[in-house]
Amino acid sequence: MGIADDAVQIRAQGWRTLAALHGLIDTALERALQAGHDLSVVEYTVLEALSRQDGWHMRMQQLARAAALSGSATTRLVNRLEDRGLLTRVLCQDDRRGIYTELTDKGWELLTRARPTYDDVLAGALAEAERTPELAPLVDALHRLPAVTG
């Protein structure tokens, strides 16, 4: 096995470790958000992304990127959340072809109730992962990330 092969193996192992950490966190969040708030992780992600926007709205393409979804999956998700009264779509004033997705008051209220659950479960899942030797270095790296503002 040469140096190039070693590098490939290291990257593959790193990716498997990252996927394991993601799976542990995602599973814990999904269970808690579904049980406590009737929200999936991706639904929470959309509401949270919208809450960080000035005026609580985003274009559909921005929302797709924020939720790591395809355009069609984002449309289906937005339809479901709109049917539940958690967000709405409005025409862009500058470009009548553009459509914004906006958080409704009901969506904001649900997000406000769900956020402590999300934060607590995320902290717990990271603490659990920190006790797993293979995952501990990734958790440490997450704790050292600089805070993002704005």
N, C-alpha and C. Protein backbone atom coordinates (compact mmCIF):
# COMPACT_ATOMS: atom_id res chain seq x y z
N MET A 1 0.85 -1.19 0.00
CA MET A 1 0.00 0.00 0.00
C MET A 1 0.89 1.24 0.00
N GLY A 2 0.68 2.15 -0.95
CA GLY A 2 1.50 3.34 -1.07
C GLY A 2 0.91 4.51 -0.30
N ILE A 3 1.61 5.64 -0.35
CA ILE A 3 1.18 6.85 0.36
C ILE A 3 -0.19 7.31 -0.16
N ALA A 4 -0.39 7.26 -1.46
CA ALA A 4 -1.67 7.68 -2.02
C ALA A 4 -2.80 6.80 -1.50
N ASP A 5 -2.54 5.49 -1.41
CA ASP A 5 -3.56 4.58 -0.89
C ASP A 5 -3.85 4.88 0.58
N ASP A 6 -2.82 5.21 1.34
CA ASP A 6 -3.01 5.57 2.75
C ASP A 6 -3.90 6.80 2.88
N ALA A 7 -3.66 7.79 2.01
CA ALA A 7 -4.46 9.01 2.06
C ALA A 7 -5.93 8.72 1.76
N VAL A 8 -6.16 7.84 0.80
CA VAL A 8 -7.54 7.46 0.46
C VAL A 8 -8.19 6.78 1.66
N GLN A 9 -7.49 5.89 2.31
CA GLN A 9 -8.02 5.18 3.48
C GLN A 9 -8.30 6.15 4.63
N ILE A 10 -7.42 7.11 4.83
CA ILE A 10 -7.62 8.09 5.90
C ILE A 10 -8.87 8.92 5.62
N ARG A 11 -9.02 9.38 4.38
CA ARG A 11 -10.23 10.14 4.02
C ARG A 11 -11.49 9.30 4.19
N ALA A 12 -11.43 8.06 3.76
CA ALA A 12 -12.60 7.18 3.87
C ALA A 12 -12.96 6.95 5.34
N GLN A 13 -11.96 6.73 6.18
CA GLN A 13 -12.21 6.53 7.60
C GLN A 13 -12.78 7.81 8.22
N GLY A 14 -12.24 8.95 7.83
CA GLY A 14 -12.75 10.22 8.33
C GLY A 14 -14.20 10.42 7.95
N TRP A 15 -14.53 10.09 6.71
CA TRP A 15 -15.90 10.23 6.25
C TRP A 15 -16.84 9.29 7.02
N ARG A 16 -16.41 8.05 7.24
CA ARG A 16 -17.24 7.10 8.00
C ARG A 16 -17.46 7.60 9.42
N THR A 17 -16.43 8.18 10.01
CA THR A 17 -16.55 8.69 11.37
C THR A 17 -17.50 9.88 11.41
N LEU A 18 -17.38 10.77 10.45
CA LEU A 18 -18.28 11.92 10.36
C LEU A 18 -19.72 11.45 10.16
N ALA A 19 -19.92 10.46 9.30
CA ALA A 19 -21.26 9.92 9.06
C ALA A 19 -21.83 9.28 10.33
N ALA A 20 -20.98 8.61 11.09
CA ALA A 20 -21.43 8.00 12.35
C ALA A 20 -21.88 9.07 13.34
N LEU A 21 -21.11 10.15 13.45
CA LEU A 21 -21.48 11.24 14.36
C LEU A 21 -22.79 11.89 13.89
N HIS A 22 -22.90 12.14 12.60
CA HIS A 22 -24.13 12.72 12.06
C HIS A 22 -25.32 11.81 12.35
N GLY A 23 -25.17 10.52 12.13
CA GLY A 23 -26.26 9.58 12.37
C GLY A 23 -26.71 9.57 13.82
N LEU A 24 -25.76 9.59 14.73
CA LEU A 24 -26.08 9.59 16.16
C LEU A 24 -26.88 10.84 16.52
N ILE A 25 -26.40 11.99 16.06
CA ILE A 25 -27.07 13.25 16.38
C ILE A 25 -28.43 13.33 15.69
N ASP A 26 -28.50 12.99 14.41
CA ASP A 26 -29.73 13.07 13.65
C ASP A 26 -30.82 12.18 14.25
N THR A 27 -30.46 10.98 14.64
CA THR A 27 -31.43 10.05 15.23
C THR A 27 -31.98 10.61 16.54
N ALA A 28 -31.10 11.12 17.38
CA ALA A 28 -31.55 11.67 18.67
C ALA A 28 -32.46 12.88 18.46
N LEU A 29 -32.08 13.77 17.55
CA LEU A 29 -32.89 14.95 17.29
C LEU A 29 -34.24 14.58 16.68
N GLU A 30 -34.23 13.65 15.73
CA GLU A 30 -35.47 13.24 15.07
C GLU A 30 -36.48 12.70 16.09
N ARG A 31 -36.02 11.82 16.95
CA ARG A 31 -36.91 11.24 17.97
C ARG A 31 -37.50 12.32 18.87
N ALA A 32 -36.65 13.20 19.37
CA ALA A 32 -37.11 14.21 20.32
C ALA A 32 -38.03 15.24 19.66
N LEU A 33 -37.67 15.70 18.48
CA LEU A 33 -38.51 16.70 17.81
C LEU A 33 -39.85 16.12 17.38
N GLN A 34 -39.85 14.88 16.90
CA GLN A 34 -41.11 14.24 16.53
C GLN A 34 -42.00 14.05 17.76
N ALA A 35 -41.41 13.52 18.83
CA ALA A 35 -42.18 13.22 20.03
C ALA A 35 -42.71 14.49 20.71
N GLY A 36 -41.90 15.51 20.79
CA GLY A 36 -42.28 16.70 21.54
C GLY A 36 -42.96 17.78 20.75
N HIS A 37 -42.74 17.80 19.42
CA HIS A 37 -43.23 18.95 18.66
C HIS A 37 -43.82 18.59 17.30
N ASP A 38 -43.90 17.31 16.97
CA ASP A 38 -44.41 16.85 15.68
C ASP A 38 -43.66 17.52 14.53
N LEU A 39 -42.32 17.58 14.67
CA LEU A 39 -41.44 18.16 13.66
C LEU A 39 -40.34 17.17 13.32
N SER A 40 -39.96 17.12 12.06
CA SER A 40 -38.78 16.36 11.68
C SER A 40 -37.56 17.27 11.80
N VAL A 41 -36.38 16.69 11.74
CA VAL A 41 -35.16 17.49 11.80
C VAL A 41 -35.11 18.47 10.63
N VAL A 42 -35.45 18.01 9.44
CA VAL A 42 -35.38 18.90 8.27
C VAL A 42 -36.44 20.00 8.36
N GLU A 43 -37.60 19.71 8.91
CA GLU A 43 -38.61 20.74 9.11
C GLU A 43 -38.10 21.79 10.10
N TYR A 44 -37.52 21.33 11.19
CA TYR A 44 -36.92 22.25 12.16
C TYR A 44 -35.85 23.10 11.48
N THR A 45 -35.01 22.48 10.67
CA THR A 45 -33.93 23.18 9.97
C THR A 45 -34.49 24.30 9.11
N VAL A 46 -35.57 24.04 8.41
CA VAL A 46 -36.20 25.06 7.56
C VAL A 46 -36.74 26.21 8.41
N LEU A 47 -37.46 25.89 9.48
CA LEU A 47 -38.01 26.95 10.34
C LEU A 47 -36.87 27.78 10.95
N GLU A 48 -35.83 27.09 11.38
CA GLU A 48 -34.70 27.78 12.00
C GLU A 48 -33.98 28.66 10.99
N ALA A 49 -33.79 28.17 9.78
CA ALA A 49 -33.13 28.96 8.73
C ALA A 49 -33.95 30.21 8.42
N LEU A 50 -35.26 30.07 8.33
CA LEU A 50 -36.12 31.22 8.06
C LEU A 50 -36.07 32.23 9.21
N SER A 51 -35.95 31.74 10.43
CA SER A 51 -35.94 32.65 11.59
C SER A 51 -34.69 33.52 11.62
N ARG A 52 -33.64 33.09 10.96
CA ARG A 52 -32.39 33.86 10.95
C ARG A 52 -32.36 34.91 9.85
N GLN A 53 -33.38 34.97 9.02
CA GLN A 53 -33.42 35.91 7.91
C GLN A 53 -34.12 37.19 8.32
N ASP A 54 -33.61 38.29 7.81
CA ASP A 54 -34.26 39.57 8.03
C ASP A 54 -35.65 39.50 7.41
N GLY A 55 -36.66 39.71 8.20
CA GLY A 55 -38.02 39.61 7.70
C GLY A 55 -38.54 38.18 7.66
N TRP A 56 -37.74 37.23 8.11
CA TRP A 56 -38.12 35.81 8.21
C TRP A 56 -38.50 35.21 6.87
N HIS A 57 -37.83 35.60 5.78
CA HIS A 57 -38.16 34.99 4.49
C HIS A 57 -36.90 34.68 3.68
N MET A 58 -37.06 33.72 2.77
CA MET A 58 -35.97 33.31 1.89
C MET A 58 -36.56 32.88 0.55
N ARG A 59 -35.75 32.98 -0.48
CA ARG A 59 -36.13 32.41 -1.77
C ARG A 59 -36.05 30.89 -1.65
N MET A 60 -36.80 30.20 -2.48
CA MET A 60 -36.84 28.74 -2.43
C MET A 60 -35.46 28.12 -2.64
N GLN A 61 -34.65 28.69 -3.53
CA GLN A 61 -33.31 28.15 -3.78
C GLN A 61 -32.42 28.28 -2.55
N GLN A 62 -32.55 29.39 -1.83
CA GLN A 62 -31.78 29.58 -0.60
C GLN A 62 -32.21 28.57 0.45
N LEU A 63 -33.49 28.35 0.53
CA LEU A 63 -34.03 27.40 1.49
C LEU A 63 -33.56 25.99 1.18
N ALA A 64 -33.53 25.64 -0.10
CA ALA A 64 -33.04 24.31 -0.51
C ALA A 64 -31.59 24.12 -0.06
N ARG A 65 -30.77 25.15 -0.25
CA ARG A 65 -29.37 25.05 0.19
C ARG A 65 -29.27 24.93 1.70
N ALA A 66 -30.06 25.73 2.42
CA ALA A 66 -30.02 25.71 3.89
C ALA A 66 -30.42 24.35 4.45
N ALA A 67 -31.37 23.70 3.77
CA ALA A 67 -31.86 22.40 4.25
C ALA A 67 -31.15 21.23 3.60
N ALA A 68 -30.22 21.51 2.68
CA ALA A 68 -29.49 20.46 1.95
C ALA A 68 -30.45 19.52 1.23
N LEU A 69 -31.42 20.12 0.52
CA LEU A 69 -32.42 19.36 -0.22
C LEU A 69 -32.41 19.76 -1.69
N SER A 70 -32.92 18.88 -2.52
CA SER A 70 -33.12 19.22 -3.92
C SER A 70 -34.27 20.22 -4.03
N GLY A 71 -34.39 20.84 -5.18
CA GLY A 71 -35.48 21.78 -5.39
C GLY A 71 -36.85 21.14 -5.23
N SER A 72 -37.01 19.95 -5.80
CA SER A 72 -38.33 19.29 -5.71
C SER A 72 -38.63 18.85 -4.28
N ALA A 73 -37.64 18.36 -3.56
CA ALA A 73 -37.85 17.96 -2.16
C ALA A 73 -38.19 19.19 -1.31
N THR A 74 -37.56 20.32 -1.62
CA THR A 74 -37.85 21.55 -0.88
C THR A 74 -39.28 21.99 -1.14
N THR A 75 -39.72 21.90 -2.38
CA THR A 75 -41.10 22.27 -2.72
C THR A 75 -42.09 21.41 -1.96
N ARG A 76 -41.86 20.10 -1.91
CA ARG A 76 -42.76 19.20 -1.17
C ARG A 76 -42.77 19.54 0.32
N LEU A 77 -41.59 19.82 0.86
CA LEU A 77 -41.49 20.17 2.28
C LEU A 77 -42.20 21.49 2.56
N VAL A 78 -41.98 22.48 1.73
CA VAL A 78 -42.64 23.77 1.90
C VAL A 78 -44.15 23.60 1.80
N ASN A 79 -44.63 22.77 0.88
CA ASN A 79 -46.07 22.51 0.78
C ASN A 79 -46.62 21.95 2.09
N ARG A 80 -45.91 20.98 2.66
CA ARG A 80 -46.36 20.38 3.93
C ARG A 80 -46.38 21.41 5.06
N LEU A 81 -45.33 22.20 5.15
CA LEU A 81 -45.26 23.20 6.21
C LEU A 81 -46.28 24.32 6.00
N GLU A 82 -46.55 24.64 4.75
CA GLU A 82 -47.57 25.64 4.44
C GLU A 82 -48.95 25.10 4.80
N ASP A 83 -49.21 23.83 4.51
CA ASP A 83 -50.49 23.21 4.87
C ASP A 83 -50.72 23.23 6.38
N ARG A 84 -49.63 23.15 7.14
CA ARG A 84 -49.71 23.19 8.61
C ARG A 84 -49.76 24.62 9.15
N GLY A 85 -49.66 25.62 8.27
CA GLY A 85 -49.73 27.02 8.68
C GLY A 85 -48.44 27.53 9.30
N LEU A 86 -47.31 26.84 9.07
CA LEU A 86 -46.04 27.23 9.68
C LEU A 86 -45.24 28.20 8.84
N LEU A 87 -45.51 28.22 7.55
CA LEU A 87 -44.89 29.19 6.66
C LEU A 87 -45.83 29.48 5.51
N THR A 88 -45.48 30.51 4.77
CA THR A 88 -46.29 30.92 3.64
C THR A 88 -45.36 31.36 2.51
N ARG A 89 -45.89 31.39 1.32
CA ARG A 89 -45.13 31.86 0.16
C ARG A 89 -45.71 33.19 -0.30
N VAL A 90 -44.82 34.10 -0.65
CA VAL A 90 -45.25 35.42 -1.15
C VAL A 90 -44.42 35.78 -2.37
N LEU A 91 -45.01 36.57 -3.26
CA LEU A 91 -44.29 37.03 -4.45
C LEU A 91 -43.26 38.07 -4.06
N CYS A 92 -42.12 38.01 -4.69
CA CYS A 92 -41.05 38.98 -4.50
C CYS A 92 -41.49 40.31 -5.12
N GLN A 93 -41.36 41.39 -4.40
CA GLN A 93 -41.77 42.71 -4.90
C GLN A 93 -40.87 43.17 -6.05
N ASP A 94 -39.58 42.79 -6.01
CA ASP A 94 -38.63 43.23 -7.03
C ASP A 94 -38.70 42.40 -8.31
N ASP A 95 -39.10 41.14 -8.18
CA ASP A 95 -39.11 40.22 -9.32
C ASP A 95 -40.34 39.33 -9.19
N ARG A 96 -41.35 39.63 -9.95
CA ARG A 96 -42.63 38.91 -9.83
C ARG A 96 -42.51 37.42 -10.09
N ARG A 97 -41.40 36.98 -10.71
CA ARG A 97 -41.20 35.54 -10.91
C ARG A 97 -40.66 34.87 -9.65
N GLY A 98 -40.07 35.69 -8.77
CA GLY A 98 -39.47 35.15 -7.56
C GLY A 98 -40.49 34.91 -6.48
N ILE A 99 -40.30 33.86 -5.73
CA ILE A 99 -41.20 33.53 -4.63
C ILE A 99 -40.36 33.40 -3.36
N TYR A 100 -40.82 34.08 -2.32
CA TYR A 100 -40.20 33.97 -1.01
C TYR A 100 -41.00 32.99 -0.16
N THR A 101 -40.31 32.35 0.73
CA THR A 101 -40.96 31.54 1.76
C THR A 101 -40.77 32.27 3.07
N GLU A 102 -41.87 32.49 3.78
CA GLU A 102 -41.83 33.26 5.02
C GLU A 102 -42.33 32.42 6.19
N LEU A 103 -41.72 32.63 7.32
CA LEU A 103 -42.15 32.03 8.57
C LEU A 103 -43.41 32.77 9.04
N THR A 104 -44.44 32.03 9.42
CA THR A 104 -45.65 32.65 9.96
C THR A 104 -45.49 32.79 11.48
N ASP A 105 -46.42 33.49 12.09
CA ASP A 105 -46.40 33.60 13.55
C ASP A 105 -46.51 32.21 14.19
N LYS A 106 -47.35 31.35 13.61
CA LYS A 106 -47.50 29.99 14.13
C LYS A 106 -46.18 29.22 13.99
N GLY A 107 -45.49 29.40 12.88
CA GLY A 107 -44.20 28.76 12.68
C GLY A 107 -43.17 29.25 13.67
N TRP A 108 -43.17 30.57 13.90
CA TRP A 108 -42.24 31.16 14.86
C TRP A 108 -42.52 30.62 16.27
N GLU A 109 -43.79 30.50 16.64
CA GLU A 109 -44.16 29.99 17.97
C GLU A 109 -43.71 28.53 18.13
N LEU A 110 -43.91 27.70 17.10
CA LEU A 110 -43.48 26.31 17.18
C LEU A 110 -41.96 26.22 17.28
N LEU A 111 -41.28 27.01 16.49
CA LEU A 111 -39.82 27.02 16.56
C LEU A 111 -39.34 27.43 17.95
N THR A 112 -39.96 28.43 18.53
CA THR A 112 -39.59 28.91 19.86
C THR A 112 -39.78 27.81 20.91
N ARG A 113 -40.85 27.02 20.77
CA ARG A 113 -41.07 25.91 21.70
C ARG A 113 -40.11 24.76 21.45
N ALA A 114 -39.76 24.52 20.19
CA ALA A 114 -38.90 23.38 19.83
C ALA A 114 -37.42 23.64 20.05
N ARG A 115 -37.00 24.90 20.00
CA ARG A 115 -35.57 25.23 20.08
C ARG A 115 -34.90 24.69 21.35
N PRO A 116 -35.50 24.82 22.55
CA PRO A 116 -34.84 24.26 23.73
C PRO A 116 -34.67 22.73 23.64
N THR A 117 -35.64 22.05 23.06
CA THR A 117 -35.53 20.61 22.87
C THR A 117 -34.35 20.31 21.97
N TYR A 118 -34.28 21.01 20.85
CA TYR A 118 -33.19 20.81 19.90
C TYR A 118 -31.84 21.05 20.58
N ASP A 119 -31.73 22.18 21.27
CA ASP A 119 -30.46 22.53 21.92
C ASP A 119 -30.06 21.50 22.97
N ASP A 120 -31.01 21.07 23.79
CA ASP A 120 -30.70 20.09 24.85
C ASP A 120 -30.31 18.74 24.27
N VAL A 121 -31.05 18.28 23.27
CA VAL A 121 -30.76 16.97 22.66
C VAL A 121 -29.43 17.02 21.91
N LEU A 122 -29.15 18.10 21.22
CA LEU A 122 -27.87 18.24 20.54
C LEU A 122 -26.72 18.20 21.55
N ALA A 123 -26.85 18.92 22.64
CA ALA A 123 -25.80 18.91 23.67
C ALA A 123 -25.63 17.51 24.25
N GLY A 124 -26.74 16.81 24.50
CA GLY A 124 -26.66 15.46 25.03
C GLY A 124 -26.03 14.48 24.05
N ALA A 125 -26.40 14.60 22.78
CA ALA A 125 -25.82 13.70 21.76
C ALA A 125 -24.33 13.95 21.60
N LEU A 126 -23.93 15.21 21.65
CA LEU A 126 -22.50 15.52 21.55
C LEU A 126 -21.75 15.01 22.77
N ALA A 127 -22.36 15.11 23.95
CA ALA A 127 -21.71 14.59 25.16
C ALA A 127 -21.56 13.07 25.07
N GLU A 128 -22.59 12.41 24.55
CA GLU A 128 -22.51 10.96 24.36
C GLU A 128 -21.41 10.61 23.36
N ALA A 129 -21.36 11.34 22.26
CA ALA A 129 -20.34 11.08 21.23
C ALA A 129 -18.94 11.33 21.77
N GLU A 130 -18.83 12.29 22.65
CA GLU A 130 -17.52 12.63 23.23
C GLU A 130 -16.94 11.47 24.04
N ARG A 131 -17.82 10.60 24.53
CA ARG A 131 -17.37 9.44 25.31
C ARG A 131 -16.98 8.26 24.43
N THR A 132 -17.18 8.41 23.11
CA THR A 132 -16.79 7.37 22.16
C THR A 132 -15.45 7.76 21.55
N PRO A 133 -14.40 6.97 21.79
CA PRO A 133 -13.06 7.38 21.35
C PRO A 133 -12.96 7.77 19.87
N GLU A 134 -13.66 7.06 19.00
CA GLU A 134 -13.58 7.37 17.57
C GLU A 134 -14.24 8.71 17.22
N LEU A 135 -15.25 9.09 18.00
CA LEU A 135 -16.00 10.31 17.70
C LEU A 135 -15.49 11.53 18.46
N ALA A 136 -14.79 11.31 19.55
CA ALA A 136 -14.34 12.41 20.42
C ALA A 136 -13.55 13.49 19.67
N PRO A 137 -12.62 13.13 18.77
CA PRO A 137 -11.89 14.21 18.07
C PRO A 137 -12.79 15.11 17.22
N LEU A 138 -13.83 14.54 16.62
CA LEU A 138 -14.76 15.37 15.83
C LEU A 138 -15.56 16.31 16.74
N VAL A 139 -16.00 15.78 17.87
CA VAL A 139 -16.75 16.62 18.81
C VAL A 139 -15.86 17.75 19.30
N ASP A 140 -14.62 17.44 19.59
CA ASP A 140 -13.67 18.46 20.02
C ASP A 140 -13.51 19.53 18.94
N ALA A 141 -13.41 19.11 17.69
CA ALA A 141 -13.28 20.06 16.59
C ALA A 141 -14.53 20.95 16.49
N LEU A 142 -15.70 20.37 16.71
CA LEU A 142 -16.94 21.18 16.68
C LEU A 142 -16.94 22.23 17.78
N HIS A 143 -16.47 21.85 18.96
CA HIS A 143 -16.42 22.80 20.07
C HIS A 143 -15.44 23.94 19.81
N ARG A 144 -14.47 23.72 18.98
CA ARG A 144 -13.46 24.75 18.69
C ARG A 144 -13.83 25.62 17.51
N LEU A 145 -14.93 25.34 16.83
CA LEU A 145 -15.35 26.19 15.70
C LEU A 145 -15.68 27.59 16.22
N PRO A 146 -15.31 28.62 15.46
CA PRO A 146 -15.67 29.98 15.89
C PRO A 146 -17.18 30.20 15.79
N ALA A 147 -17.69 31.02 16.66
CA ALA A 147 -19.11 31.36 16.63
C ALA A 147 -19.40 32.19 15.38
N VAL A 148 -20.50 31.88 14.74
CA VAL A 148 -20.93 32.62 13.55
C VAL A 148 -22.01 33.59 14.00
N THR A 149 -21.84 34.84 13.66
CA THR A 149 -22.84 35.85 14.03
C THR A 149 -23.48 36.40 12.78
N GLY A 150 -24.70 36.88 12.97
CA GLY A 150 -25.38 37.53 11.85
C GLY A 150 -26.08 36.67 10.99
